[in-house]
Amino acid sequence: MEENKFGGERLDSKSSLSRNGLMEHLARYNMVSGNPESIVLDIGCGSGHGSNKLSAKFKKIYGVDFAPDSINYAKENWSAPNIEFSVGSGTDIPFADNYFDIAAAFEVFEHIEDWRKFLSEIKRVVKNDGLIFMSTPNRDVYSPGAKTGQKPNNPYHFFEMSVDEFKTALVEGGGFIVEKFYGQRTPVYNDRWFWPILNPILFGLRHLGIMSYKATNTFKLKIVNWIKPVLELDDVKFYEDDVNIKKSRNMLAVLRVKK
């Protein structure tokens, strides 16, 4: 397959630098469950690694992303007959009402400024009683020291939310029923003594403009790859208890649509 280079944010690369980040991303797709005959939307599919994973479990997958280069990569590199890729926006999803049984939206929420419109759109295209699997960073861990409404450390994010803020957005802003709520962690990486010291330093350097986001992210990826060069899916954990959710870098909600 074509070799993409790490650009600082998208995990559409097969480079040695971002492969373990990609493994953490793909672990979320293992959480997607339902009737094998389901028609599934993968919104914000990137270059299609997750859509390809879903194609082994469900009848039909539609991968949609705002970036044409990502969709071109997906079309060139994934050839399962039950996948279709197309360019589209999360605030104007190019499908009819009640089209999908299941939707996956992993690390997309924080990239869309009008998140209420995004939640409305994804609810529109998923059938009544359908399922949505959605993840986003936990601001308290992902951007230590950042406050509500503050511009995230990650320049590709319009916002980031705490655990309580995300739950409120889903229930009050989206009108969903939260069936399950997980914190996603990789203990082999996350439970290291130096992160509580290093993360605030890197956040401060980024905030002061001394280091770019790409530079700080690249530095952190080099550290985690040094800790364990080849991550396995079993290394990525999903927790339901409040203590582990609060200290997890990412949150994943399983939502039921009620119309």
C-alpha atoms as a PDB file:
ATOM      1  CA  MET A   1       0.000   0.000   0.000  1.00  0.00           C
ATOM      2  CA  GLU A   2       0.945   3.630  -0.445  1.00  0.00           C
ATOM      3  CA  GLU A   3       3.093   5.071   2.343  1.00  0.00           C
ATOM      4  CA  ASN A   4       1.702   8.289   3.819  1.00  0.00           C
ATOM      5  CA  LYS A   5       3.743  10.595   6.025  1.00  0.00           C
ATOM      6  CA  PHE A   6       2.683  11.669   9.483  1.00  0.00           C
ATOM      7  CA  GLY A   7       1.224  15.161   9.284  1.00  0.00           C
ATOM      8  CA  GLY A   8       0.751  15.861  12.976  1.00  0.00           C
ATOM      9  CA  GLU A   9      -2.947  14.968  13.367  1.00  0.00           C
ATOM     10  CA  ARG A  10      -4.527  12.487  10.945  1.00  0.00           C
ATOM     11  CA  LEU A  11      -3.904   8.825  11.677  1.00  0.00           C
ATOM     12  CA  ASP A  12      -4.074   7.828   8.030  1.00  0.00           C
ATOM     13  CA  SER A  13      -0.393   6.973   7.983  1.00  0.00           C
ATOM     14  CA  LYS A  14       1.360   3.640   7.959  1.00  0.00           C
ATOM     15  CA  SER A  15       4.619   5.297   8.975  1.00  0.00           C
ATOM     16  CA  SER A  16       6.519   3.875  11.942  1.00  0.00           C
ATOM     17  CA  LEU A  17       5.876   7.103  13.859  1.00  0.00           C
ATOM     18  CA  SER A  18       2.080   6.939  13.913  1.00  0.00           C
ATOM     19  CA  ARG A  19       1.382   3.204  13.672  1.00  0.00           C
ATOM     20  CA  ASN A  20       0.710   2.822  17.408  1.00  0.00           C
ATOM     21  CA  GLY A  21      -1.622   5.820  17.415  1.00  0.00           C
ATOM     22  CA  LEU A  22      -3.451   4.191  14.554  1.00  0.00           C
ATOM     23  CA  MET A  23      -3.744   0.976  16.596  1.00  0.00           C
ATOM     24  CA  GLU A  24      -5.379   2.952  19.425  1.00  0.00           C
ATOM     25  CA  HIS A  25      -7.786   4.452  16.893  1.00  0.00           C
ATOM     26  CA  LEU A  26      -8.664   1.063  15.386  1.00  0.00           C
ATOM     27  CA  ALA A  27      -9.357  -0.338  18.847  1.00  0.00           C
ATOM     28  CA  ARG A  28     -12.441   1.884  18.936  1.00  0.00           C
ATOM     29  CA  TYR A  29     -13.825   0.094  15.898  1.00  0.00           C
ATOM     30  CA  ASN A  30     -13.720  -3.156  17.862  1.00  0.00           C
ATOM     31  CA  MET A  31     -16.346  -1.604  20.137  1.00  0.00           C
ATOM     32  CA  VAL A  32     -18.847  -1.237  17.282  1.00  0.00           C
ATOM     33  CA  SER A  33     -21.391  -4.023  17.567  1.00  0.00           C
ATOM     34  CA  GLY A  34     -24.829  -4.870  16.216  1.00  0.00           C
ATOM     35  CA  ASN A  35     -26.712  -6.932  13.664  1.00  0.00           C
ATOM     36  CA  PRO A  36     -24.345  -8.206  10.931  1.00  0.00           C
ATOM     37  CA  GLU A  37     -26.981  -7.175   8.366  1.00  0.00           C
ATOM     38  CA  SER A  38     -26.649  -3.535   9.399  1.00  0.00           C
ATOM     39  CA  ILE A  39     -25.899  -0.642   7.072  1.00  0.00           C
ATOM     40  CA  VAL A  40     -23.186   1.390   8.793  1.00  0.00           C
ATOM     41  CA  LEU A  41     -21.954   4.982   8.457  1.00  0.00           C
ATOM     42  CA  ASP A  42     -18.327   5.756   9.280  1.00  0.00           C
ATOM     43  CA  ILE A  43     -18.393   9.541   9.418  1.00  0.00           C
ATOM     44  CA  GLY A  44     -14.970  11.170   9.479  1.00  0.00           C
ATOM     45  CA  CYS A  45     -13.508   7.954   8.127  1.00  0.00           C
ATOM     46  CA  GLY A  46     -10.113   9.446   7.265  1.00  0.00           C
ATOM     47  CA  SER A  47      -8.284   7.163   4.885  1.00  0.00           C
ATOM     48  CA  GLY A  48     -10.551   4.220   5.593  1.00  0.00           C
ATOM     49  CA  HIS A  49      -8.659   1.917   7.964  1.00  0.00           C
ATOM     50  CA  GLY A  50     -11.647   1.754  10.317  1.00  0.00           C
ATOM     51  CA  SER A  51     -14.171   1.356   7.516  1.00  0.00           C
ATOM     52  CA  ASN A  52     -12.164  -1.580   6.265  1.00  0.00           C
ATOM     53  CA  LYS A  53     -12.289  -3.118   9.742  1.00  0.00           C
ATOM     54  CA  LEU A  54     -16.057  -2.670   9.908  1.00  0.00           C
ATOM     55  CA  SER A  55     -16.511  -4.277   6.490  1.00  0.00           C
ATOM     56  CA  ALA A  56     -15.646  -7.659   8.011  1.00  0.00           C
ATOM     57  CA  LYS A  57     -18.520  -7.380  10.504  1.00  0.00           C
ATOM     58  CA  PHE A  58     -21.407  -5.691   8.707  1.00  0.00           C
ATOM     59  CA  LYS A  59     -23.352  -5.894   5.463  1.00  0.00           C
ATOM     60  CA  LYS A  60     -22.566  -2.446   4.053  1.00  0.00           C
ATOM     61  CA  ILE A  61     -20.201   0.361   5.075  1.00  0.00           C
ATOM     62  CA  TYR A  62     -20.282   3.949   3.858  1.00  0.00           C
ATOM     63  CA  GLY A  63     -17.141   5.911   4.697  1.00  0.00           C
ATOM     64  CA  VAL A  64     -17.515   9.691   4.532  1.00  0.00           C
ATOM     65  CA  ASP A  65     -14.836  12.329   5.113  1.00  0.00           C
ATOM     66  CA  PHE A  66     -14.477  16.052   4.442  1.00  0.00           C
ATOM     67  CA  ALA A  67     -10.952  15.677   2.990  1.00  0.00           C
ATOM     68  CA  PRO A  68     -10.783  14.575  -0.681  1.00  0.00           C
ATOM     69  CA  ASP A  69      -7.184  13.377  -0.322  1.00  0.00           C
ATOM     70  CA  SER A  70      -8.206  10.990   2.457  1.00  0.00           C
ATOM     71  CA  ILE A  71     -11.094   9.616   0.408  1.00  0.00           C
ATOM     72  CA  ASN A  72      -8.800   9.148  -2.594  1.00  0.00           C
ATOM     73  CA  TYR A  73      -6.364   7.207  -0.417  1.00  0.00           C
ATOM     74  CA  ALA A  74      -9.228   5.070   0.933  1.00  0.00           C
ATOM     75  CA  LYS A  75     -10.524   4.246  -2.537  1.00  0.00           C
ATOM     76  CA  GLU A  76      -7.043   3.282  -3.708  1.00  0.00           C
ATOM     77  CA  ASN A  77      -6.142   1.124  -0.714  1.00  0.00           C
ATOM     78  CA  TRP A  78      -9.302  -0.664   0.466  1.00  0.00           C
ATOM     79  CA  SER A  79     -11.135  -2.870  -1.986  1.00  0.00           C
ATOM     80  CA  ALA A  80     -13.761  -4.743   0.062  1.00  0.00           C
ATOM     81  CA  PRO A  81     -16.890  -4.984  -2.118  1.00  0.00           C
ATOM     82  CA  ASN A  82     -19.183  -3.806   0.689  1.00  0.00           C
ATOM     83  CA  ILE A  83     -17.470  -0.419   1.257  1.00  0.00           C
ATOM     84  CA  GLU A  84     -18.258   2.845  -0.496  1.00  0.00           C
ATOM     85  CA  PHE A  85     -16.264   6.021   0.167  1.00  0.00           C
ATOM     86  CA  SER A  86     -17.393   9.560  -0.557  1.00  0.00           C
ATOM     87  CA  VAL A  87     -16.562  13.157   0.309  1.00  0.00           C
ATOM     88  CA  GLY A  88     -19.031  14.782   2.668  1.00  0.00           C
ATOM     89  CA  SER A  89     -19.461  17.048   5.675  1.00  0.00           C
ATOM     90  CA  GLY A  90     -20.532  16.059   9.175  1.00  0.00           C
ATOM     91  CA  THR A  91     -22.926  19.006   9.219  1.00  0.00           C
ATOM     92  CA  ASP A  92     -24.484  18.027   5.888  1.00  0.00           C
ATOM     93  CA  ILE A  93     -24.257  14.232   5.709  1.00  0.00           C
ATOM     94  CA  PRO A  94     -25.055  13.204   2.104  1.00  0.00           C
ATOM     95  CA  PHE A  95     -27.686  10.554   2.890  1.00  0.00           C
ATOM     96  CA  ALA A  96     -31.430  10.416   3.354  1.00  0.00           C
ATOM     97  CA  ASP A  97     -33.194  10.415   6.706  1.00  0.00           C
ATOM     98  CA  ASN A  98     -33.205   7.114   8.626  1.00  0.00           C
ATOM     99  CA  TYR A  99     -30.736   5.478   6.247  1.00  0.00           C
ATOM    100  CA  PHE A 100     -28.353   3.777   8.677  1.00  0.00           C
ATOM    101  CA  ASP A 101     -28.712   1.172  11.384  1.00  0.00           C
ATOM    102  CA  ILE A 102     -25.399   2.122  13.004  1.00  0.00           C
ATOM    103  CA  ALA A 103     -23.004   5.055  12.840  1.00  0.00           C
ATOM    104  CA  ALA A 104     -19.411   5.400  14.017  1.00  0.00           C
ATOM    105  CA  ALA A 105     -17.902   8.853  14.652  1.00  0.00           C
ATOM    106  CA  PHE A 106     -14.476   8.478  16.200  1.00  0.00           C
ATOM    107  CA  GLU A 107     -12.472  11.629  16.985  1.00  0.00           C
ATOM    108  CA  VAL A 108     -14.736  13.714  14.751  1.00  0.00           C
ATOM    109  CA  PHE A 109     -16.891  15.621  17.244  1.00  0.00           C
ATOM    110  CA  GLU A 110     -14.115  18.029  18.315  1.00  0.00           C
ATOM    111  CA  HIS A 111     -13.251  18.841  14.677  1.00  0.00           C
ATOM    112  CA  ILE A 112     -16.680  20.331  13.914  1.00  0.00           C
ATOM    113  CA  GLU A 113     -17.311  23.845  15.219  1.00  0.00           C
ATOM    114  CA  ASP A 114     -21.099  23.543  15.053  1.00  0.00           C
ATOM    115  CA  TRP A 115     -21.246  20.359  17.096  1.00  0.00           C
ATOM    116  CA  ARG A 116     -24.977  20.686  17.713  1.00  0.00           C
ATOM    117  CA  LYS A 117     -25.600  20.594  13.960  1.00  0.00           C
ATOM    118  CA  PHE A 118     -23.337  17.551  13.719  1.00  0.00           C
ATOM    119  CA  LEU A 119     -25.304  15.716  16.413  1.00  0.00           C
ATOM    120  CA  SER A 120     -28.555  16.688  14.696  1.00  0.00           C
ATOM    121  CA  GLU A 121     -27.318  15.410  11.326  1.00  0.00           C
ATOM    122  CA  ILE A 122     -26.037  12.107  12.606  1.00  0.00           C
ATOM    123  CA  LYS A 123     -29.314  11.587  14.461  1.00  0.00           C
ATOM    124  CA  ARG A 124     -31.228  12.399  11.267  1.00  0.00           C
ATOM    125  CA  VAL A 125     -29.520   9.749   9.150  1.00  0.00           C
ATOM    126  CA  VAL A 126     -29.648   6.966  11.785  1.00  0.00           C
ATOM    127  CA  LYS A 127     -32.878   5.028  12.188  1.00  0.00           C
ATOM    128  CA  ASN A 128     -35.016   5.224  15.295  1.00  0.00           C
ATOM    129  CA  ASP A 129     -33.578   2.814  17.881  1.00  0.00           C
ATOM    130  CA  GLY A 130     -30.293   2.741  15.946  1.00  0.00           C
ATOM    131  CA  LEU A 131     -26.875   2.967  17.569  1.00  0.00           C
ATOM    132  CA  ILE A 132     -24.140   5.582  17.389  1.00  0.00           C
ATOM    133  CA  PHE A 133     -20.596   4.969  18.629  1.00  0.00           C
ATOM    134  CA  MET A 134     -18.830   8.279  19.263  1.00  0.00           C
ATOM    135  CA  SER A 135     -15.480   9.216  20.773  1.00  0.00           C
ATOM    136  CA  THR A 136     -13.684  12.461  21.605  1.00  0.00           C
ATOM    137  CA  PRO A 137     -10.696  13.512  23.721  1.00  0.00           C
ATOM    138  CA  ASN A 138     -11.120  14.106  27.445  1.00  0.00           C
ATOM    139  CA  ARG A 139      -9.924  17.708  27.810  1.00  0.00           C
ATOM    140  CA  ASP A 140      -8.792  17.248  31.408  1.00  0.00           C
ATOM    141  CA  VAL A 141      -6.255  14.634  30.303  1.00  0.00           C
ATOM    142  CA  TYR A 142      -5.648  15.471  26.643  1.00  0.00           C
ATOM    143  CA  SER A 143      -4.983  19.179  27.301  1.00  0.00           C
ATOM    144  CA  PRO A 144      -3.993  19.415  30.979  1.00  0.00           C
ATOM    145  CA  GLY A 145      -4.573  22.871  32.373  1.00  0.00           C
ATOM    146  CA  ALA A 146      -7.002  23.943  29.637  1.00  0.00           C
ATOM    147  CA  LYS A 147     -10.313  25.429  30.765  1.00  0.00           C
ATOM    148  CA  THR A 148     -13.839  25.363  29.377  1.00  0.00           C
ATOM    149  CA  GLY A 149     -14.024  27.571  26.298  1.00  0.00           C
ATOM    150  CA  GLN A 150     -10.240  27.902  25.969  1.00  0.00           C
ATOM    151  CA  LYS A 151      -8.724  27.248  22.548  1.00  0.00           C
ATOM    152  CA  PRO A 152      -7.402  23.669  22.626  1.00  0.00           C
ATOM    153  CA  ASN A 153      -3.720  22.891  22.500  1.00  0.00           C
ATOM    154  CA  ASN A 154      -4.468  20.896  19.365  1.00  0.00           C
ATOM    155  CA  PRO A 155      -4.937  23.465  16.553  1.00  0.00           C
ATOM    156  CA  TYR A 156      -7.096  21.021  14.605  1.00  0.00           C
ATOM    157  CA  HIS A 157      -9.723  20.981  17.369  1.00  0.00           C
ATOM    158  CA  PHE A 158     -12.371  23.676  17.672  1.00  0.00           C
ATOM    159  CA  PHE A 159     -13.013  22.664  21.290  1.00  0.00           C
ATOM    160  CA  GLU A 160     -12.530  19.866  23.790  1.00  0.00           C
ATOM    161  CA  MET A 161     -14.842  18.778  26.594  1.00  0.00           C
ATOM    162  CA  SER A 162     -14.586  17.247  30.029  1.00  0.00           C
ATOM    163  CA  VAL A 163     -16.387  13.996  30.830  1.00  0.00           C
ATOM    164  CA  ASP A 164     -19.411  15.785  32.302  1.00  0.00           C
ATOM    165  CA  GLU A 165     -19.569  18.327  29.470  1.00  0.00           C
ATOM    166  CA  PHE A 166     -19.534  15.600  26.825  1.00  0.00           C
ATOM    167  CA  LYS A 167     -22.297  13.641  28.528  1.00  0.00           C
ATOM    168  CA  THR A 168     -24.407  16.791  28.819  1.00  0.00           C
ATOM    169  CA  ALA A 169     -23.826  17.644  25.151  1.00  0.00           C
ATOM    170  CA  LEU A 170     -24.985  14.187  24.067  1.00  0.00           C
ATOM    171  CA  VAL A 171     -28.114  14.116  26.228  1.00  0.00           C
ATOM    172  CA  GLU A 172     -29.218  17.755  26.271  1.00  0.00           C
ATOM    173  CA  GLY A 173     -27.629  18.907  23.005  1.00  0.00           C
ATOM    174  CA  GLY A 174     -28.222  15.770  20.956  1.00  0.00           C
ATOM    175  CA  GLY A 175     -31.217  14.149  22.616  1.00  0.00           C
ATOM    176  CA  PHE A 176     -29.526  10.739  22.742  1.00  0.00           C
ATOM    177  CA  ILE A 177     -29.819   7.976  25.297  1.00  0.00           C
ATOM    178  CA  VAL A 178     -26.354   7.091  26.597  1.00  0.00           C
ATOM    179  CA  GLU A 179     -26.338   3.299  26.866  1.00  0.00           C
ATOM    180  CA  LYS A 180     -22.643   2.883  27.664  1.00  0.00           C
ATOM    181  CA  PHE A 181     -19.835   5.290  28.445  1.00  0.00           C
ATOM    182  CA  TYR A 182     -16.171   4.313  28.405  1.00  0.00           C
ATOM    183  CA  GLY A 183     -12.805   5.790  29.099  1.00  0.00           C
ATOM    184  CA  GLN A 184     -10.146   4.612  26.652  1.00  0.00           C
ATOM    185  CA  ARG A 185      -6.629   4.200  27.995  1.00  0.00           C
ATOM    186  CA  THR A 186      -3.433   2.414  27.012  1.00  0.00           C
ATOM    187  CA  PRO A 187      -1.867   1.634  30.423  1.00  0.00           C
ATOM    188  CA  VAL A 188       1.455   0.509  28.963  1.00  0.00           C
ATOM    189  CA  TYR A 189       1.834   4.096  27.739  1.00  0.00           C
ATOM    190  CA  ASN A 190      -0.383   6.161  30.018  1.00  0.00           C
ATOM    191  CA  ASP A 191       0.664   4.826  33.423  1.00  0.00           C
ATOM    192  CA  ARG A 192       4.182   6.237  33.341  1.00  0.00           C
ATOM    193  CA  TRP A 193       5.412   8.463  36.143  1.00  0.00           C
ATOM    194  CA  PHE A 194       6.747  11.191  33.874  1.00  0.00           C
ATOM    195  CA  TRP A 195       3.552  12.142  31.996  1.00  0.00           C
ATOM    196  CA  PRO A 196       2.066  14.302  34.812  1.00  0.00           C
ATOM    197  CA  ILE A 197       5.316  16.285  34.683  1.00  0.00           C
ATOM    198  CA  LEU A 198       5.954  16.289  30.938  1.00  0.00           C
ATOM    199  CA  ASN A 199       2.440  16.952  29.639  1.00  0.00           C
ATOM    200  CA  PRO A 200       1.965  20.333  31.372  1.00  0.00           C
ATOM    201  CA  ILE A 201       5.440  21.398  30.216  1.00  0.00           C
ATOM    202  CA  LEU A 202       4.676  20.536  26.597  1.00  0.00           C
ATOM    203  CA  PHE A 203       1.265  22.192  26.883  1.00  0.00           C
ATOM    204  CA  GLY A 204       2.943  25.347  28.191  1.00  0.00           C
ATOM    205  CA  LEU A 205       5.554  25.364  25.414  1.00  0.00           C
ATOM    206  CA  ARG A 206       2.827  24.970  22.821  1.00  0.00           C
ATOM    207  CA  HIS A 207       0.690  27.687  24.435  1.00  0.00           C
ATOM    208  CA  LEU A 208       3.664  30.089  24.441  1.00  0.00           C
ATOM    209  CA  GLY A 209       4.410  29.359  20.790  1.00  0.00           C
ATOM    210  CA  ILE A 210       7.832  27.887  21.548  1.00  0.00           C
ATOM    211  CA  MET A 211       6.974  24.457  20.094  1.00  0.00           C
ATOM    212  CA  SER A 212       4.449  23.706  17.368  1.00  0.00           C
ATOM    213  CA  TYR A 213       1.684  21.194  17.911  1.00  0.00           C
ATOM    214  CA  LYS A 214       3.247  18.888  15.338  1.00  0.00           C
ATOM    215  CA  ALA A 215       6.607  19.064  17.129  1.00  0.00           C
ATOM    216  CA  THR A 216       5.148  18.292  20.551  1.00  0.00           C
ATOM    217  CA  ASN A 217       2.965  15.504  19.172  1.00  0.00           C
ATOM    218  CA  THR A 218       5.891  13.995  17.268  1.00  0.00           C
ATOM    219  CA  PHE A 219       8.018  14.104  20.433  1.00  0.00           C
ATOM    220  CA  LYS A 220       5.318  12.291  22.436  1.00  0.00           C
ATOM    221  CA  LEU A 221       4.860   9.673  19.719  1.00  0.00           C
ATOM    222  CA  LYS A 222       8.579   8.981  19.734  1.00  0.00           C
ATOM    223  CA  ILE A 223       8.413   8.417  23.489  1.00  0.00           C
ATOM    224  CA  VAL A 224       5.482   5.993  23.320  1.00  0.00           C
ATOM    225  CA  ASN A 225       7.098   4.107  20.434  1.00  0.00           C
ATOM    226  CA  TRP A 226      10.248   3.799  22.544  1.00  0.00           C
ATOM    227  CA  ILE A 227       8.203   2.415  25.478  1.00  0.00           C
ATOM    228  CA  LYS A 228       6.634  -0.255  23.287  1.00  0.00           C
ATOM    229  CA  PRO A 229       7.537  -0.175  19.579  1.00  0.00           C
ATOM    230  CA  VAL A 230       4.666  -2.401  18.454  1.00  0.00           C
ATOM    231  CA  LEU A 231       1.353  -1.892  20.216  1.00  0.00           C
ATOM    232  CA  GLU A 232      -1.200  -4.708  20.276  1.00  0.00           C
ATOM    233  CA  LEU A 233      -4.971  -4.360  20.458  1.00  0.00           C
ATOM    234  CA  ASP A 234      -5.006  -6.055  23.862  1.00  0.00           C
ATOM    235  CA  ASP A 235      -2.903  -3.170  25.192  1.00  0.00           C
ATOM    236  CA  VAL A 236      -5.787  -0.748  24.635  1.00  0.00           C
ATOM    237  CA  LYS A 237      -8.361  -0.821  27.441  1.00  0.00           C
ATOM    238  CA  PHE A 238     -11.905   0.500  27.767  1.00  0.00           C
ATOM    239  CA  TYR A 239     -13.142   1.216  31.293  1.00  0.00           C
ATOM    240  CA  GLU A 240     -16.635   1.858  32.630  1.00  0.00           C
ATOM    241  CA  ASP A 241     -15.797   2.916  36.187  1.00  0.00           C
ATOM    242  CA  ASP A 242     -15.740   6.623  37.011  1.00  0.00           C
ATOM    243  CA  VAL A 243     -12.175   6.635  38.333  1.00  0.00           C
ATOM    244  CA  ASN A 244     -10.662   5.275  35.123  1.00  0.00           C
ATOM    245  CA  ILE A 245     -12.980   7.285  32.888  1.00  0.00           C
ATOM    246  CA  LYS A 246     -11.846  10.518  34.551  1.00  0.00           C
ATOM    247  CA  LYS A 247      -8.171   9.701  33.934  1.00  0.00           C
ATOM    248  CA  SER A 248      -8.657   8.430  30.380  1.00  0.00           C
ATOM    249  CA  ARG A 249      -7.290  10.404  27.444  1.00  0.00           C
ATOM    250  CA  ASN A 250     -10.340   9.603  25.294  1.00  0.00           C
ATOM    251  CA  MET A 251     -14.030   9.013  25.930  1.00  0.00           C
ATOM    252  CA  LEU A 252     -16.308   6.690  23.958  1.00  0.00           C
ATOM    253  CA  ALA A 253     -20.100   6.775  24.185  1.00  0.00           C
ATOM    254  CA  VAL A 254     -22.585   4.229  22.889  1.00  0.00           C
ATOM    255  CA  LEU A 255     -25.756   6.117  22.042  1.00  0.00           C
ATOM    256  CA  ARG A 256     -29.283   4.975  21.291  1.00  0.00           C
ATOM    257  CA  VAL A 257     -31.340   7.085  18.900  1.00  0.00           C
ATOM    258  CA  LYS A 258     -34.890   7.883  19.974  1.00  0.00           C
ATOM    259  CA  LYS A 259     -37.077  10.013  17.699  1.00  0.00           C
END
